Amino acid sequence: MARPTLKRKTDFRVWAELMGFNGQSISKAARLIGIETPTLASKLNTGGRELTQTERLAMAAVRAGLEPWSPEADERITSAGRATSTDA
């Protein structure tokens, strides 16, 4: 008897599930990080395309409850002690 293939969840799928989304709402999860097309959302969900660094950063920001960046948002982030900088 053939052994069933174990399908590893993609990082995007794990994140979406942690955010409370299921297979029926993957496109909605993708829109939170700026992915507008259902085809691309499906590829990320199934492993058909790797996540970019930008997408991973967006996922972290959404998971942490951060709002989209603006000068006003930066003031709130800084006053909450969550701002960091780099030695560029």
N, C-alpha and C. Protein backbone atom coordinates (compact mmCIF):
# COMPACT_ATOMS: atom_id res chain seq x y z
N MET A 1 0.85 -1.19 0.00
CA MET A 1 0.00 0.00 0.00
C MET A 1 0.89 1.24 0.00
N ALA A 2 0.57 2.18 -0.85
CA ALA A 2 1.35 3.42 -0.96
C ALA A 2 1.17 4.28 0.28
N ARG A 3 2.24 4.84 0.68
CA ARG A 3 2.21 5.73 1.84
C ARG A 3 1.73 7.10 1.41
N PRO A 4 0.80 7.73 2.17
CA PRO A 4 0.32 9.06 1.78
C PRO A 4 1.45 10.08 1.86
N THR A 5 1.43 11.01 0.94
CA THR A 5 2.41 12.07 0.93
C THR A 5 2.03 13.14 1.95
N LEU A 6 2.99 13.50 2.77
CA LEU A 6 2.73 14.55 3.76
C LEU A 6 3.00 15.89 3.09
N LYS A 7 2.04 16.75 3.13
CA LYS A 7 2.18 18.07 2.51
C LYS A 7 2.58 19.07 3.58
N ARG A 8 3.75 19.66 3.41
CA ARG A 8 4.23 20.66 4.36
C ARG A 8 3.49 21.97 4.11
N LYS A 9 3.05 22.59 5.18
CA LYS A 9 2.39 23.89 5.04
C LYS A 9 3.42 24.95 4.70
N THR A 10 3.04 25.86 3.82
CA THR A 10 3.92 26.97 3.48
C THR A 10 3.93 27.98 4.62
N ASP A 11 4.96 28.80 4.65
CA ASP A 11 5.03 29.85 5.68
C ASP A 11 3.81 30.77 5.57
N PHE A 12 3.40 31.06 4.35
CA PHE A 12 2.22 31.92 4.17
C PHE A 12 0.99 31.26 4.77
N ARG A 13 0.82 29.97 4.53
CA ARG A 13 -0.34 29.24 5.06
C ARG A 13 -0.33 29.23 6.59
N VAL A 14 0.84 28.99 7.17
CA VAL A 14 0.96 29.00 8.64
C VAL A 14 0.57 30.37 9.18
N TRP A 15 1.11 31.43 8.56
CA TRP A 15 0.79 32.80 9.00
C TRP A 15 -0.71 33.07 8.88
N ALA A 16 -1.29 32.71 7.74
CA ALA A 16 -2.71 32.96 7.52
C ALA A 16 -3.56 32.24 8.57
N GLU A 17 -3.20 31.01 8.88
CA GLU A 17 -3.95 30.27 9.90
C GLU A 17 -3.79 30.91 11.28
N LEU A 18 -2.57 31.37 11.60
CA LEU A 18 -2.36 32.06 12.88
C LEU A 18 -3.19 33.34 12.95
N MET A 19 -3.42 33.96 11.79
CA MET A 19 -4.22 35.18 11.74
C MET A 19 -5.73 34.88 11.74
N GLY A 20 -6.09 33.60 11.69
CA GLY A 20 -7.50 33.22 11.76
C GLY A 20 -8.16 32.97 10.42
N PHE A 21 -7.37 32.90 9.35
CA PHE A 21 -7.93 32.65 8.02
C PHE A 21 -7.88 31.16 7.71
N ASN A 22 -8.82 30.71 6.89
CA ASN A 22 -8.81 29.32 6.44
C ASN A 22 -8.65 29.30 4.93
N GLY A 23 -8.71 28.11 4.35
CA GLY A 23 -8.52 27.96 2.92
C GLY A 23 -9.47 28.79 2.07
N GLN A 24 -10.65 29.06 2.58
CA GLN A 24 -11.63 29.82 1.82
C GLN A 24 -11.35 31.32 1.84
N SER A 25 -10.50 31.77 2.75
CA SER A 25 -10.27 33.21 2.87
C SER A 25 -8.81 33.60 2.66
N ILE A 26 -8.07 32.76 1.93
CA ILE A 26 -6.65 33.04 1.68
C ILE A 26 -6.46 34.35 0.92
N SER A 27 -7.34 34.65 -0.03
CA SER A 27 -7.20 35.91 -0.77
C SER A 27 -7.34 37.11 0.15
N LYS A 28 -8.23 37.01 1.12
CA LYS A 28 -8.40 38.10 2.08
C LYS A 28 -7.14 38.28 2.92
N ALA A 29 -6.54 37.18 3.33
CA ALA A 29 -5.28 37.24 4.09
C ALA A 29 -4.19 37.89 3.24
N ALA A 30 -4.13 37.50 1.98
CA ALA A 30 -3.10 38.04 1.08
C ALA A 30 -3.27 39.55 0.89
N ARG A 31 -4.51 40.01 0.83
CA ARG A 31 -4.73 41.46 0.64
C ARG A 31 -4.17 42.27 1.81
N LEU A 32 -4.12 41.67 3.00
CA LEU A 32 -3.56 42.38 4.16
C LEU A 32 -2.09 42.74 3.96
N ILE A 33 -1.39 41.99 3.11
CA ILE A 33 0.03 42.27 2.88
C ILE A 33 0.26 42.81 1.47
N GLY A 34 -0.81 43.27 0.81
CA GLY A 34 -0.67 43.94 -0.47
C GLY A 34 -0.74 43.03 -1.68
N ILE A 35 -1.12 41.78 -1.51
CA ILE A 35 -1.27 40.84 -2.62
C ILE A 35 -2.72 40.92 -3.08
N GLU A 36 -2.95 41.45 -4.27
CA GLU A 36 -4.31 41.70 -4.74
C GLU A 36 -4.90 40.61 -5.62
N THR A 37 -4.07 39.81 -6.26
CA THR A 37 -4.61 38.83 -7.21
C THR A 37 -4.81 37.47 -6.56
N PRO A 38 -5.96 36.85 -6.76
CA PRO A 38 -6.22 35.52 -6.21
C PRO A 38 -5.21 34.48 -6.70
N THR A 39 -4.74 34.62 -7.93
CA THR A 39 -3.78 33.67 -8.47
C THR A 39 -2.48 33.69 -7.68
N LEU A 40 -1.98 34.89 -7.39
CA LEU A 40 -0.75 35.00 -6.60
C LEU A 40 -0.98 34.52 -5.18
N ALA A 41 -2.12 34.83 -4.59
CA ALA A 41 -2.44 34.35 -3.24
C ALA A 41 -2.42 32.82 -3.21
N SER A 42 -2.98 32.20 -4.23
CA SER A 42 -3.00 30.75 -4.32
C SER A 42 -1.59 30.18 -4.44
N LYS A 43 -0.75 30.83 -5.24
CA LYS A 43 0.63 30.36 -5.39
C LYS A 43 1.38 30.44 -4.07
N LEU A 44 1.20 31.51 -3.32
CA LEU A 44 1.86 31.64 -2.02
C LEU A 44 1.33 30.58 -1.06
N ASN A 45 0.05 30.32 -1.13
CA ASN A 45 -0.58 29.36 -0.24
C ASN A 45 -0.12 27.93 -0.50
N THR A 46 0.12 27.61 -1.76
CA THR A 46 0.47 26.23 -2.12
C THR A 46 1.96 26.00 -2.32
N GLY A 47 2.76 27.05 -2.23
CA GLY A 47 4.19 26.91 -2.42
C GLY A 47 4.63 27.08 -3.86
N GLY A 48 3.73 27.58 -4.71
CA GLY A 48 4.07 27.81 -6.11
C GLY A 48 5.00 28.98 -6.32
N ARG A 49 5.16 29.81 -5.30
CA ARG A 49 6.09 30.94 -5.34
C ARG A 49 6.57 31.22 -3.93
N GLU A 50 7.84 31.54 -3.82
CA GLU A 50 8.41 31.89 -2.52
C GLU A 50 7.99 33.30 -2.12
N LEU A 51 7.92 33.52 -0.83
CA LEU A 51 7.64 34.85 -0.31
C LEU A 51 8.87 35.74 -0.48
N THR A 52 8.63 37.01 -0.78
CA THR A 52 9.73 37.97 -0.84
C THR A 52 10.02 38.48 0.57
N GLN A 53 11.16 39.10 0.73
CA GLN A 53 11.49 39.72 2.03
C GLN A 53 10.45 40.78 2.40
N THR A 54 10.01 41.54 1.42
CA THR A 54 9.00 42.58 1.66
C THR A 54 7.69 41.95 2.16
N GLU A 55 7.27 40.86 1.54
CA GLU A 55 6.04 40.19 1.97
C GLU A 55 6.19 39.64 3.38
N ARG A 56 7.35 39.06 3.69
CA ARG A 56 7.58 38.54 5.04
C ARG A 56 7.56 39.66 6.09
N LEU A 57 8.15 40.81 5.75
CA LEU A 57 8.11 41.95 6.66
C LEU A 57 6.68 42.44 6.86
N ALA A 58 5.91 42.48 5.78
CA ALA A 58 4.50 42.88 5.88
C ALA A 58 3.73 41.90 6.75
N MET A 59 3.99 40.61 6.60
CA MET A 59 3.32 39.60 7.42
C MET A 59 3.64 39.82 8.90
N ALA A 60 4.90 40.10 9.21
CA ALA A 60 5.29 40.36 10.60
C ALA A 60 4.60 41.59 11.15
N ALA A 61 4.52 42.63 10.34
CA ALA A 61 3.88 43.88 10.78
C ALA A 61 2.39 43.66 11.04
N VAL A 62 1.72 42.94 10.15
CA VAL A 62 0.29 42.67 10.34
C VAL A 62 0.10 41.80 11.58
N ARG A 63 0.93 40.79 11.74
CA ARG A 63 0.83 39.90 12.90
C ARG A 63 1.03 40.68 14.20
N ALA A 64 1.93 41.67 14.17
CA ALA A 64 2.20 42.48 15.37
C ALA A 64 1.17 43.58 15.58
N GLY A 65 0.24 43.72 14.64
CA GLY A 65 -0.81 44.73 14.79
C GLY A 65 -0.38 46.13 14.42
N LEU A 66 0.68 46.24 13.63
CA LEU A 66 1.14 47.56 13.23
C LEU A 66 0.27 48.12 12.12
N GLU A 67 0.12 49.41 12.13
CA GLU A 67 -0.63 50.09 11.07
C GLU A 67 0.32 50.45 9.94
N PRO A 68 -0.20 50.71 8.76
CA PRO A 68 0.68 51.14 7.67
C PRO A 68 1.48 52.38 8.07
N TRP A 69 2.72 52.44 7.61
CA TRP A 69 3.60 53.52 8.01
C TRP A 69 3.15 54.86 7.44
N SER A 70 3.27 55.87 8.28
CA SER A 70 3.11 57.27 7.92
C SER A 70 3.89 58.05 8.97
N PRO A 71 4.16 59.32 8.74
CA PRO A 71 4.87 60.09 9.78
C PRO A 71 4.12 60.06 11.12
N GLU A 72 2.80 60.11 11.06
CA GLU A 72 2.01 60.08 12.29
C GLU A 72 2.13 58.72 12.99
N ALA A 73 2.08 57.65 12.18
CA ALA A 73 2.22 56.30 12.74
C ALA A 73 3.61 56.13 13.35
N ASP A 74 4.63 56.72 12.71
CA ASP A 74 5.98 56.63 13.23
C ASP A 74 6.08 57.26 14.61
N GLU A 75 5.38 58.35 14.81
CA GLU A 75 5.37 58.99 16.14
C GLU A 75 4.79 58.04 17.18
N ARG A 76 3.72 57.34 16.83
CA ARG A 76 3.11 56.38 17.77
C ARG A 76 4.03 55.19 18.02
N ILE A 77 4.68 54.72 16.97
CA ILE A 77 5.62 53.60 17.12
C ILE A 77 6.78 54.00 18.02
N THR A 78 7.31 55.20 17.78
CA THR A 78 8.44 55.69 18.57
C THR A 78 8.04 55.91 20.03
N SER A 79 6.89 56.52 20.26
CA SER A 79 6.47 56.79 21.64
C SER A 79 6.16 55.50 22.41
N ALA A 80 5.84 54.43 21.68
CA ALA A 80 5.60 53.13 22.33
C ALA A 80 6.89 52.36 22.56
N GLY A 81 8.03 52.95 22.14
CA GLY A 81 9.32 52.30 22.34
C GLY A 81 9.58 51.15 21.40
N ARG A 82 8.89 51.13 20.26
CA ARG A 82 9.05 50.02 19.32
C ARG A 82 9.86 50.39 18.08
N ALA A 83 10.39 51.61 18.02
CA ALA A 83 11.15 52.04 16.85
C ALA A 83 12.58 51.52 16.94
N THR A 84 13.09 51.12 15.78
CA THR A 84 14.49 50.71 15.68
C THR A 84 15.11 51.44 14.49
N SER A 85 16.41 51.40 14.43
CA SER A 85 17.09 51.98 13.27
C SER A 85 18.27 51.09 12.92
N THR A 86 18.82 51.32 11.76
CA THR A 86 19.98 50.54 11.31
C THR A 86 21.18 51.44 11.23
N ASP A 87 22.32 50.84 11.18
CA ASP A 87 23.57 51.60 10.99
C ASP A 87 23.89 51.55 9.50
N ALA A 88 23.04 52.18 8.68
CA ALA A 88 23.21 52.12 7.22
C ALA A 88 24.36 52.94 6.75
